Protein backbone atom coordinates (compact mmCIF):
# COMPACT_ATOMS: atom_id res chain seq x y z
CA MET A 1 -0.16 -0.06 0.11
CA PRO A 2 2.64 2.85 0.62
CA ALA A 3 4.09 2.09 -2.59
CA LEU A 4 1.22 2.51 -4.23
CA ILE A 5 0.96 6.05 -2.04
CA TYR A 6 4.61 6.87 -3.28
CA ALA A 7 3.59 6.45 -7.01
CA LEU A 8 0.69 8.27 -6.92
CA LEU A 9 2.37 11.20 -5.20
CA PHE A 10 5.05 11.25 -7.97
CA ALA A 11 2.89 11.00 -10.44
CA VAL A 12 0.57 14.11 -8.91
CA GLN A 13 3.91 15.89 -8.61
CA TYR A 14 5.05 15.21 -12.19
CA PHE A 15 2.01 16.38 -13.55
CA LEU A 16 1.82 19.68 -11.60
CA SER A 17 5.39 20.09 -12.39
CA ARG A 18 4.41 19.88 -16.40
CA THR A 19 2.11 22.83 -16.14
CA GLY A 20 2.83 25.88 -17.43
CA ASN A 21 2.82 27.52 -14.18
CA LYS A 22 6.33 26.58 -11.90
CA LEU A 23 4.34 27.36 -8.77
CA LEU A 24 2.12 24.69 -8.96
CA GLY A 25 5.04 21.96 -9.03
CA ALA A 26 5.86 23.44 -5.18
CA ILE A 27 2.14 22.32 -3.90
CA VAL A 28 2.94 18.61 -3.23
CA PRO A 29 6.21 19.37 -1.31
CA ILE A 30 4.43 21.65 0.76
CA ILE A 31 1.59 19.28 1.34
CA PHE A 32 4.37 16.72 2.50
CA VAL A 33 5.99 18.78 4.61
CA CYS A 34 3.20 19.82 6.44
CA ILE A 35 2.14 16.33 6.74
CA LEU A 36 5.26 15.43 8.04
CA ILE A 37 5.51 17.75 10.46
CA PHE A 38 1.99 16.94 11.40
CA LEU A 39 2.57 13.27 12.31
CA TYR A 40 5.95 14.16 13.65
CA LEU A 41 4.39 16.34 16.44
CA THR A 42 1.40 13.52 17.22
CA GLY A 43 3.86 11.32 17.75
CA LYS A 44 2.54 8.81 14.57
CA LEU A 45 5.62 8.99 12.73
CA GLY A 46 7.50 6.94 15.19
CA LEU A 47 10.98 8.90 14.24
CA ASN A 48 12.90 11.04 16.68
CA LEU A 49 13.75 14.61 15.27
CA TRP A 50 16.85 13.54 13.18
CA GLY A 51 15.28 10.54 11.58
CA THR A 52 12.35 13.15 10.80
CA LEU A 53 14.88 15.65 9.39
CA ILE A 54 16.60 12.83 7.34
CA PHE A 55 13.32 11.51 5.99
CA GLY A 56 11.78 14.62 5.13
CA SER A 57 15.07 15.76 3.36
CA ILE A 58 15.33 12.63 1.35
CA GLY A 59 11.50 12.81 0.36
CA LEU A 60 11.79 16.61 -0.55
CA LEU A 61 15.25 15.38 -2.96
CA PHE A 62 13.08 12.90 -4.67
CA LEU A 63 10.09 15.36 -5.12
CA LEU A 64 12.56 18.44 -6.65
CA ALA A 65 14.08 16.15 -8.55
CA GLU A 66 10.88 14.89 -10.36
CA TRP A 67 10.09 18.72 -10.67
CA ASP A 68 13.51 19.44 -12.30
CA LYS A 69 12.84 16.26 -14.73
CA ALA A 70 9.38 17.46 -15.27
CA GLN A 71 10.36 21.06 -15.87
CA LYS A 72 13.12 19.76 -18.60
CA ASP A 73 10.88 17.72 -20.15
CA LYS A 74 8.46 20.53 -21.02
CA GLN A 75 11.53 22.72 -22.06
CA GLU A 76 12.41 20.00 -24.94
CA GLN A 77 8.85 20.11 -25.87
CA ARG A 78 8.83 23.32 -26.65
């Protein structure tokens, strides 16, 4: 189930990043950070502060890489 959620998350990120507006690509990373903070503060994440920061950094790197890839693909189409 988590793999399906991650695949859907990356698909939405890629789709929003391919639109003409670059700011739409920021929606998913912002939601990711908000959910991560909420899960950490409520204790449902099960990680300490360092684990949460590492997990969040890696997640953001993947999302930003997806945004960059979509922007390059969009630029090649032009």
